[in-house]
Structure formats: structure tokens, C-alpha cells
Protein backbone atom coordinates (compact mmCIF):
# COMPACT_ATOMS: atom_id res chain seq x y z
CA MET A 1 51.09 87.20 -93.34
CA SER A 2 52.11 86.46 -96.85
CA ASP A 3 50.34 83.12 -96.76
CA THR A 4 46.90 83.79 -98.22
CA SER A 5 45.55 80.48 -96.94
CA THR A 6 45.85 81.51 -93.33
CA PRO A 7 42.55 81.76 -91.43
CA PHE A 8 43.66 85.07 -89.97
CA PRO A 9 42.97 87.91 -92.43
CA GLY A 10 44.88 90.48 -90.36
CA ARG A 11 41.99 92.95 -90.21
CA ARG A 12 42.55 95.78 -87.80
CA TRP A 13 39.70 97.47 -85.91
CA PRO A 14 39.69 100.94 -84.31
CA ALA A 15 40.97 101.01 -80.74
CA TRP A 16 37.53 101.71 -79.27
CA LEU A 17 36.17 98.57 -80.96
CA GLN A 18 38.94 96.30 -79.68
CA PRO A 19 37.43 93.80 -77.20
CA ALA A 20 38.09 94.85 -73.62
CA PRO A 21 39.47 92.18 -71.24
CA SER A 22 36.14 91.97 -69.35
CA SER A 23 33.91 92.12 -72.44
CA VAL A 24 31.56 89.44 -73.76
CA ALA A 25 33.83 88.90 -76.77
CA ALA A 26 36.91 88.39 -74.56
CA ALA A 27 35.02 85.99 -72.29
CA MET A 28 33.92 83.91 -75.28
CA ARG A 29 37.44 83.77 -76.66
CA ALA A 30 38.83 82.80 -73.25
CA ALA A 31 36.37 79.90 -73.16
CA GLY A 32 37.41 78.77 -76.63
CA HIS A 33 34.26 79.94 -78.45
CA SER A 34 34.09 82.13 -81.52
CA PRO A 35 32.83 85.62 -80.60
CA TRP A 36 31.19 85.90 -84.01
CA ALA A 37 28.53 83.40 -82.88
CA TYR A 38 27.09 86.29 -80.85
CA VAL A 39 26.30 88.17 -84.07
CA TRP A 40 23.69 85.57 -85.09
CA ASN A 41 21.41 87.06 -82.44
CA LEU A 42 20.95 90.04 -84.74
CA LEU A 43 18.67 87.96 -86.94
CA TRP A 44 15.85 88.58 -84.43
CA SER A 45 16.17 92.32 -84.99
CA PHE A 46 14.77 92.04 -88.52
CA TRP A 47 11.26 92.08 -87.03
CA VAL A 48 11.50 95.87 -86.98
CA PHE A 49 11.42 95.87 -90.81
CA LEU A 50 8.21 93.82 -91.14
CA GLY A 51 5.67 96.55 -90.33
CA PRO A 52 4.69 97.21 -93.96
CA LEU A 53 3.68 93.56 -94.34
CA PHE A 54 0.90 93.89 -91.76
CA GLN A 55 -0.28 97.50 -91.90
CA HIS A 56 -0.04 100.77 -93.70
CA VAL A 57 2.98 102.79 -92.56
CA GLU A 58 3.74 106.47 -92.75
CA ALA A 59 6.95 108.36 -93.39
CA GLY A 60 7.76 108.28 -89.66
CA PHE A 61 8.20 104.52 -89.90
CA TRP A 62 11.03 104.87 -92.41
CA TRP A 63 12.63 107.71 -90.52
CA SER A 64 12.59 105.65 -87.31
CA LEU A 65 14.30 102.79 -89.13
CA ALA A 66 16.87 105.01 -90.85
CA LEU A 67 17.87 106.66 -87.58
CA GLY A 68 17.10 103.98 -84.99
CA TYR A 69 18.40 100.76 -86.52
CA PRO A 70 22.02 101.95 -87.08
CA LEU A 71 21.98 103.25 -83.51
CA PHE A 72 20.73 99.86 -82.33
CA LEU A 73 23.57 98.09 -84.19
CA LEU A 74 26.12 100.41 -82.58
CA ILE A 75 24.72 99.79 -79.08
CA PHE A 76 24.67 96.04 -79.73
CA LEU A 77 28.31 96.09 -80.89
CA LEU A 78 29.45 98.17 -77.93
CA SER A 79 27.72 95.83 -75.50
CA TRP A 80 29.75 93.04 -77.07
CA VAL A 81 33.23 94.59 -77.02
CA ARG A 82 33.14 97.11 -74.16
CA PRO A 83 33.77 96.24 -70.47
CA ALA A 84 31.01 94.40 -68.64
CA ALA A 85 30.60 97.33 -66.22
CA GLU A 86 29.20 99.44 -69.08
CA VAL A 87 26.50 96.97 -70.17
CA SER A 88 23.84 98.44 -67.87
CA GLY A 89 24.24 101.76 -69.67
CA TYR A 90 23.70 100.09 -73.04
CA VAL A 91 20.59 98.36 -71.69
CA GLY A 92 19.21 101.76 -70.69
CA ALA A 93 20.07 103.17 -74.12
CA LEU A 94 18.11 100.36 -75.79
CA VAL A 95 15.09 101.05 -73.57
CA VAL A 96 15.16 104.73 -74.58
CA LEU A 97 15.54 103.75 -78.25
CA THR A 98 12.54 101.41 -77.91
CA ALA A 99 10.39 104.10 -76.34
CA LEU A 100 11.26 106.55 -79.13
CA SER A 101 10.63 104.01 -81.90
CA MET A 102 7.31 102.50 -80.75
CA PRO A 103 5.08 105.49 -81.71
CA TRP A 104 6.31 105.27 -85.33
CA ASN A 105 7.06 101.55 -85.59
CA PRO A 106 5.07 99.20 -83.32
CA ALA A 107 7.66 96.45 -83.99
CA GLY A 108 10.26 98.72 -82.37
CA TRP A 109 9.63 96.86 -79.11
CA THR A 110 12.01 94.27 -80.61
CA TYR A 111 14.83 96.45 -79.29
CA ALA A 112 13.45 95.84 -75.79
CA VAL A 113 13.86 92.10 -76.28
CA PHE A 114 17.59 92.68 -76.71
CA ALA A 115 17.58 94.99 -73.69
CA CYS A 116 16.09 92.24 -71.50
CA ALA A 117 18.53 89.69 -72.90
CA MET A 118 21.46 92.00 -72.08
CA VAL A 119 20.49 92.68 -68.45
CA PRO A 120 23.70 91.78 -66.56
CA TYR A 121 23.91 89.12 -63.87
CA GLN A 122 25.72 90.43 -60.79
CA GLY A 123 25.28 87.52 -58.43
CA SER A 124 21.53 87.84 -57.82
CA TRP A 125 18.69 86.36 -59.87
CA LEU A 126 16.18 88.63 -58.14
CA THR A 127 18.01 91.85 -59.02
CA SER A 128 18.24 90.92 -62.69
CA ALA A 129 14.59 89.80 -62.78
CA VAL A 130 13.46 93.09 -61.23
CA LYS A 131 15.36 95.06 -63.88
CA MET A 132 13.64 93.07 -66.65
CA ALA A 133 10.25 93.61 -65.01
CA VAL A 134 10.85 97.39 -64.82
CA ILE A 135 11.76 97.48 -68.52
CA GLN A 136 8.60 95.61 -69.47
CA ALA A 137 6.41 97.73 -67.18
CA LEU A 138 7.64 100.94 -68.79
CA LEU A 139 6.94 99.58 -72.28
CA VAL A 140 3.47 98.35 -71.30
CA LEU A 141 2.65 101.82 -69.95
CA GLU A 142 3.73 103.35 -73.24
CA GLY A 143 1.67 100.72 -75.11
CA ILE A 144 -1.39 101.71 -73.07
CA PHE A 145 -0.75 105.36 -73.91
CA LEU A 146 -0.52 104.41 -77.61
CA HIS A 147 -3.80 102.43 -77.33
CA TRP A 148 -2.30 99.06 -78.20
CA PRO A 149 -4.65 96.05 -77.93
CA TRP A 150 -4.34 93.91 -74.83
CA TYR A 151 -2.91 90.91 -76.70
CA ALA A 152 0.00 93.05 -77.95
CA HIS A 153 0.99 93.62 -74.32
CA LEU A 154 0.87 89.88 -73.64
CA ILE A 155 3.08 89.16 -76.63
CA LEU A 156 5.56 91.84 -75.52
CA ILE A 157 5.70 90.48 -71.96
CA GLY A 158 5.92 86.86 -73.06
CA VAL A 159 8.72 87.34 -75.57
CA CYS A 160 10.74 89.70 -73.37
CA THR A 161 10.39 87.45 -70.31
CA SER A 162 11.26 84.20 -72.07
CA THR A 163 14.24 85.74 -73.87
CA GLY A 164 15.51 87.57 -70.80
CA VAL A 165 15.19 84.59 -68.46
CA GLY A 166 16.86 82.29 -71.00
CA ALA A 167 19.77 84.70 -71.46
CA LEU A 168 20.03 85.16 -67.69
CA ALA A 169 20.17 81.39 -67.13
CA GLY A 170 22.95 81.19 -69.71
CA ARG A 171 24.94 83.91 -67.92
CA VAL A 172 24.51 82.19 -64.56
CA SER A 173 25.83 78.94 -66.06
CA TRP A 174 28.68 80.84 -67.71
CA ASP A 175 29.58 82.48 -64.41
CA LYS A 176 29.72 79.10 -62.67
CA ASN A 177 31.91 77.64 -65.40
CA THR A 178 34.24 80.65 -65.21
CA LYS A 179 34.64 80.22 -61.46
CA LEU A 180 35.30 76.50 -62.00
CA ARG A 181 38.05 77.29 -64.54
CA MET A 182 39.58 79.77 -62.10
CA SER A 183 39.49 77.09 -59.41
CA HIS A 184 41.29 74.67 -61.73
CA GLU A 185 43.93 77.33 -62.44
CA GLN A 186 44.47 77.87 -58.72
CA ILE A 187 44.87 74.12 -58.24
CA ARG A 188 47.40 74.04 -61.07
CA GLN A 189 49.37 76.89 -59.48
CA LEU A 190 49.34 75.18 -56.09
CA ALA A 191 50.53 71.95 -57.72
CA ALA A 192 53.34 73.84 -59.47
CA THR A 193 54.36 75.45 -56.17
CA ALA A 194 54.36 72.08 -54.43
CA GLU A 195 56.48 70.62 -57.23
CA ARG A 196 59.04 73.41 -56.92
CA GLU A 197 59.24 72.83 -53.17
CA ARG A 198 59.71 69.11 -53.77
CA ILE A 199 62.52 69.76 -56.25
CA GLY A 200 64.20 72.07 -53.74
CA ARG A 201 64.00 69.43 -51.01
CA ASP A 202 65.30 66.72 -53.34
CA LEU A 203 68.29 68.81 -54.44
CA HIS A 204 69.04 69.69 -50.83
CA ASP A 205 68.89 66.05 -49.78
CA LEU A 206 70.92 65.06 -52.83
CA LEU A 207 73.74 67.56 -52.44
CA GLY A 208 73.81 68.49 -48.76
CA HIS A 209 75.46 65.33 -47.38
CA THR A 210 77.63 64.83 -50.49
CA LEU A 211 79.12 68.32 -50.45
CA SER A 212 79.77 68.07 -46.72
CA LEU A 213 81.62 64.78 -47.28
CA ILE A 214 83.69 66.27 -50.13
CA THR A 215 84.57 69.27 -47.97
CA MET A 216 85.73 67.05 -45.09
CA LYS A 217 87.92 64.90 -47.37
CA LEU A 218 89.49 67.94 -49.03
CA GLU A 219 90.29 69.48 -45.61
CA LEU A 220 91.80 66.19 -44.45
CA SER A 221 93.91 65.81 -47.60
CA ARG A 222 95.20 69.38 -47.19
CA LYS A 223 96.33 68.60 -43.63
CA LEU A 224 97.96 65.29 -44.68
CA LEU A 225 99.60 66.65 -47.82
CA ASP A 226 103.00 67.27 -46.14
CA ARG A 227 102.98 64.51 -43.51
CA ASP A 228 101.43 61.61 -45.42
CA PRO A 229 101.20 62.26 -49.18
CA ALA A 230 99.94 58.75 -49.93
CA THR A 231 96.97 59.11 -47.59
CA ALA A 232 96.30 62.60 -48.92
CA ARG A 233 96.18 61.30 -52.49
CA ARG A 234 93.79 58.55 -51.40
CA GLU A 235 91.48 61.10 -49.77
CA LEU A 236 91.59 63.24 -52.93
CA ALA A 237 90.72 60.21 -55.05
CA GLU A 238 87.78 59.37 -52.79
CA ALA A 239 86.58 62.99 -52.90
CA GLU A 240 86.83 62.88 -56.69
CA GLU A 241 84.77 59.70 -56.81
CA VAL A 242 82.10 61.18 -54.54
CA ALA A 243 81.98 64.30 -56.71
CA ARG A 244 81.59 62.22 -59.88
CA HIS A 245 78.74 60.27 -58.30
CA ALA A 246 77.03 63.49 -57.16
CA LEU A 247 77.50 64.99 -60.63
CA ALA A 248 75.78 61.99 -62.25
CA GLU A 249 72.86 62.27 -59.83
CA VAL A 250 72.51 66.02 -60.42
CA ARG A 251 72.54 65.52 -64.20
CA ALA A 252 69.85 62.87 -63.94
CA ALA A 253 67.72 65.11 -61.70
CA VAL A 254 68.12 68.16 -63.95
CA THR A 255 67.28 66.14 -67.05
CA GLY A 256 64.11 64.86 -65.42
CA ILE A 257 63.09 68.33 -64.29
CA ARG A 258 63.71 70.06 -67.61
CA ALA A 259 62.37 67.41 -69.99
CA ALA A 260 59.06 69.18 -70.52
CA GLY A 261 56.46 67.14 -72.37
CA PHE A 262 54.97 68.78 -75.46
CA ALA A 263 51.42 67.81 -74.47
CA ALA A 264 51.79 69.41 -71.04
CA GLU A 265 53.28 72.55 -72.56
CA LEU A 266 50.46 72.67 -75.13
CA ALA A 267 47.86 72.56 -72.35
CA SER A 268 49.70 75.31 -70.49
CA ALA A 269 49.85 77.45 -73.65
CA ALA A 270 46.12 76.96 -74.27
CA LEU A 271 45.32 78.06 -70.71
CA LEU A 272 47.61 81.10 -70.96
CA LEU A 273 46.22 82.29 -74.30
CA ARG A 274 42.56 81.71 -73.51
CA THR A 275 42.99 83.52 -70.21
CA SER A 276 44.47 86.40 -72.24
CA GLY A 277 41.40 86.49 -74.50
CA VAL A 278 43.03 84.69 -77.45
CA GLN A 279 41.08 81.94 -79.20
CA PHE A 280 43.41 78.94 -79.40
CA ASP A 281 43.25 76.14 -81.96
CA GLN A 282 45.47 73.07 -82.17
CA HIS A 283 46.01 70.43 -84.81
CA LEU A 284 48.36 67.59 -83.84
CA GLN A 285 49.35 64.75 -86.18
CA ALA A 286 52.57 63.61 -84.54
CA ALA A 287 53.25 61.67 -81.36
CA ASN A 288 55.93 59.57 -79.64
CA LEU A 289 58.73 61.98 -80.51
CA PRO A 290 62.29 61.47 -79.24
CA GLU A 291 62.80 63.02 -75.83
CA SER A 292 65.34 65.61 -77.02
CA VAL A 293 63.07 66.74 -79.86
CA GLU A 294 59.95 66.85 -77.68
CA CYS A 295 61.70 68.82 -74.95
CA SER A 296 63.10 71.42 -77.35
CA LEU A 297 59.81 71.86 -79.22
CA ALA A 298 57.98 72.21 -75.90
CA LEU A 299 60.33 75.02 -74.84
CA VAL A 300 59.92 76.71 -78.24
CA LEU A 301 56.15 76.52 -77.84
CA ARG A 302 56.38 78.02 -74.34
CA GLU A 303 58.39 81.00 -75.59
CA ALA A 304 56.09 81.55 -78.58
CA ALA A 305 52.91 81.38 -76.48
CA THR A 306 54.35 83.85 -73.98
CA ASN A 307 55.22 86.27 -76.80
CA ILE A 308 51.71 86.02 -78.26
CA ALA A 309 50.05 86.63 -74.88
CA ARG A 310 52.27 89.59 -73.98
CA HIS A 311 53.08 91.37 -77.22
CA ALA A 312 51.11 90.19 -80.25
CA HIS A 313 47.73 91.83 -79.51
CA ALA A 314 46.19 88.81 -81.22
CA THR A 315 42.66 87.45 -81.06
CA ARG A 316 43.42 84.02 -82.51
CA ALA A 317 46.36 81.64 -82.42
CA ARG A 318 46.95 78.19 -83.84
CA VAL A 319 49.51 75.43 -83.29
CA SER A 320 49.96 72.48 -85.61
CA LEU A 321 52.42 69.59 -85.31
CA ALA A 322 52.79 67.13 -88.18
CA ARG A 323 55.17 64.46 -89.44
CA THR A 324 57.15 65.18 -92.59
CA ALA A 325 59.17 62.91 -94.87
CA GLY A 326 62.27 63.05 -92.68
CA GLY A 327 61.15 64.62 -89.45
CA VAL A 328 58.50 66.77 -87.81
CA GLN A 329 57.15 70.27 -88.47
CA LEU A 330 55.80 72.65 -85.85
CA CYS A 331 53.82 75.69 -86.99
CA ILE A 332 52.79 78.48 -84.59
CA GLU A 333 50.78 81.42 -85.96
CA ASP A 334 48.67 84.31 -84.75
CA ASN A 335 46.67 87.19 -86.23
CA GLY A 336 48.35 89.89 -84.16
CA ARG A 337 50.14 93.06 -85.14
CA GLY A 338 53.17 91.30 -86.65
CA GLY A 339 56.36 93.21 -87.36
CA VAL A 340 58.47 90.85 -85.20
CA LEU A 341 62.24 91.25 -85.64
CA ALA A 342 64.38 88.14 -85.90
CA ALA A 343 67.03 89.75 -83.63
CA GLY A 344 64.93 89.46 -80.46
CA ASN A 345 66.34 87.42 -77.58
CA GLY A 346 63.34 85.11 -77.46
CA LEU A 347 63.55 84.25 -81.14
CA LYS A 348 67.32 83.90 -80.91
CA GLY A 349 66.92 81.33 -78.14
CA MET A 350 64.28 79.42 -80.10
CA ARG A 351 66.47 79.39 -83.19
CA GLU A 352 69.45 78.07 -81.21
CA ARG A 353 67.37 75.25 -79.75
CA VAL A 354 66.11 74.25 -83.18
CA GLN A 355 69.56 74.44 -84.77
CA ALA A 356 70.93 72.27 -81.97
CA LEU A 357 68.57 69.57 -83.27
CA GLY A 358 69.80 70.07 -86.83
CA GLY A 359 66.57 71.83 -87.78
CA SER A 360 65.54 75.20 -89.18
CA LEU A 361 63.22 78.02 -88.08
CA ARG A 362 61.48 80.36 -90.52
CA LEU A 363 59.76 83.58 -89.42
CA ASP A 364 57.05 85.38 -91.40
CA SER A 365 55.81 88.52 -89.62
CA PRO A 366 54.68 91.36 -91.93
CA PRO A 367 53.47 94.42 -89.95
CA GLY A 368 49.73 94.33 -89.32
CA HIS A 369 49.27 90.79 -90.63
CA GLY A 370 50.23 88.49 -87.77
CA THR A 371 53.20 86.22 -87.20
CA ARG A 372 53.98 82.69 -88.31
CA LEU A 373 56.79 80.40 -87.15
CA ASP A 374 57.64 77.26 -89.11
CA ILE A 375 60.03 74.87 -87.37
CA ASP A 376 61.35 71.79 -89.21
CA VAL A 377 63.33 69.23 -87.23
CA PRO A 378 64.80 65.96 -88.55
CA LEU A 379 64.01 63.09 -86.23
CA ALA A 380 67.39 61.47 -86.84
CA ALA A 381 69.19 64.53 -85.49
CA LYS A 382 70.95 64.45 -82.16
CA ALA A 383 70.25 67.37 -79.89
CA VAL A 384 73.05 69.28 -78.24
CA VAL A 385 71.88 70.49 -74.85
CA HIS A 386 73.44 73.82 -73.84
CA ASP A 387 72.01 74.75 -70.54
CA THR A 388 72.08 71.49 -68.59
CA ALA A 389 75.75 70.71 -69.16
CA LEU A 390 77.78 70.79 -65.95
CA PRO A 391 81.57 70.99 -65.63
CA ARG A 392 83.32 67.67 -65.32
CA ILE A 393 85.48 67.16 -62.23
CA ASP A 394 88.61 65.38 -63.24
CA ALA A 395 92.07 65.12 -61.75
CA ARG A 396 93.58 65.15 -65.25
CA PRO A 397 94.14 68.39 -67.22
CA PRO A 398 90.75 69.56 -68.57
CA VAL A 399 89.91 69.04 -72.22
CA PRO A 400 88.04 72.01 -73.79
CA ALA A 401 84.40 71.11 -74.36
CA THR A 402 82.78 71.78 -77.72
CA HIS A 403 79.25 73.08 -78.00
CA ALA A 404 77.10 73.70 -81.02
CA THR A 405 76.06 77.31 -81.46
């Protein structure tokens, strides 16, 4: 983006470092947490550099650091961004790296602490605990072979066990919370399905009897047209009145169905984006908007959130809504691949909705630097609704309707 104040720098990573949908980074983003918080765990790895402070070291110590530590960082990064099914392989790689480092750098067992912390949880505490115990047993055997003192083994076991069990407890809690969020999503989908069925029943009840009555009166007027014109005209007038009444009821029902609240649409957008692995932030400073403005902005937000989830390849998105001197401003931005063309159907529809309110839409989407939408709407404007207008039934010659475009 051209706006240098944006929190999204537009940095692009190689494809093999992009967070996979089932990775730790994607799970953290889906839960609304910053994946970069995971990097702070690397502070514990600096123990491998402290050997010279406690004992004399040989050249092998420096060679083990020069070769082993970059490899450790790579394994750590891959365990963060690659699919969860591959984590067991990275745990094994850390165990091998630990075994190769310990003869030259006794503090190399720090890598094993990360290995125990990364042991995956696959539905069984016992299985994960056994894997941690096997890792520690192998390292203790190597420590015995290297003639380590007994207290060094106790320290190794204590640190690895406490770290591994703590990380395992966190993953168990995370797994429960994930299942709870999925349960909430299923409830929301069931509620939406029930609402659609209710709307279908209401429209059927609303129109079924009315249309049958109109049909009967029109058939009767057709039969009476030659024999009794006065009665036929009366039947036509009654059919017209019934149709007008049904039209008013349909318009009221459609308006109620389609008047989407901005808060509800914002919650839906947050769920959609977080489920797609996009960290979502919101900053709202406007409330109690006119119904026409709120409905149109909600539909714009729905279209924008769908585009971000499907096409933007973004990791972060932000929505802000604020009052201005004469209206309200909605800003939607992401740190995706950018390069959005203003001629797209989705953007065209959003622009038409905003212009119907007398507002303006600005698009900033440089390739590789994300996308930003700025929508300004005057609150005094009167919206022109395109898609809920129904034809008027009138016995008089029709008057052409005018619509804003």
C-alpha cells in the first residue's frame, strides 16, 4: 500500500515458508493471536552459547554452534509454519541434532527441551508422555556414555519434563477450545438454516392464500367481462386491492430480511477470516447509524471479507468505522497480494451501493502490498435501494421508474 502508516508492511515470504492451513501459525491466527509471540520461545535457546562462561571449550564447541544452531532455527521455523502432521519429524530431527551436539557442547541438550515441548498431542496424554520419556531416556544414555555427573541428568530430566508437560497441557487446552469454536460454528450454521426455513414458510403463508385469491378473482372477471362488465370491473378492483396489500407485506418482509446489521456482519466476517487463518482486528467509533447506511455498509463489509478470505492470500486484516464531520468512514485493509482491479464485479457492486448513499469508495491496491478500501458516506444522504424494489401493480398506465446508477 502507498500508506506508510499501515501496520502491514507487505513483506512476502517464499512459498515453502507460507503458513500451512494446519500449522501452528495458522491456528494462532485463527484464534486471534499474533503468531510472532511463538518466536519469544527462542530466548531459551541462548543457553547453548553459555558454555565458555563455565568451562574451557575447544574448537569443536564453536563448530557445533556454527553448524547446529542455524539448523535448529530452521527446524524451529518449519515446525511453526508447516502442517501439523510433519511436527513429529521435526521433533526427531531435534533429537538427532541434540545427540550430535552434546559431545562438543554439553548445553546442546537445550535443543531437547524444544523437542519435548514440540511433541504433538494426538488425543492421548499417555502417548505424548511416552514420547517425551523416550527422548529423555536416549539423552540420559548418551550422558552416561559421556560420563556426565548424576546431577546433570537430573537437571536434564527436570527441565525437559516440566517444559514438555507444560506445553502439552497448553495444547490440550487449545484443542478443547478449538473444538468448542467449531461447535459454536455448527450451532450458527444450524441457526442460519432454521432461519432460512422460517423465511420460506413465512413467504409461503404470506403469498399462498393471496395469490390463490387473486387468481380466482381474475378468472371470475374474465368470465363476467362480456355478460356483466360492472361486476367484472368490481372483481378486478378487488384483485388489484389484494395485490397491493400483498405487495406491501412482501416489501416489509424483504426489508426486514435484508436489513443486515453491521455488528452481526462484523462478527460473521471475523469468524470467516479467523477460520481462514487471517488475524482480524477491528476498531469501531461509530454506532446508531441510519438503517439504510448500516445495511449498505454491512453488505460492503460482507463482500470485502469474502474477497480477502478467498483471493487476497493475506495474514492480517483490519476494519475501522469512525464518524467524520459530515458522515461516517469505513476502512477495510489487508496485507495480501494486492493488485486488485477496480473493474471486478464485487467492487462494482460495492461502489454502486456506496454511490446510492451519496458516498464515495477509494481503492488502493498496489501489487504485493495489500489492499485498502476507504468508504465515505454522508449521514444525511438518502439511500436508493436497487434490489428490493418490486413492480407496482396499478390499473393506470405505468409511469417509468427512475433508479440511481
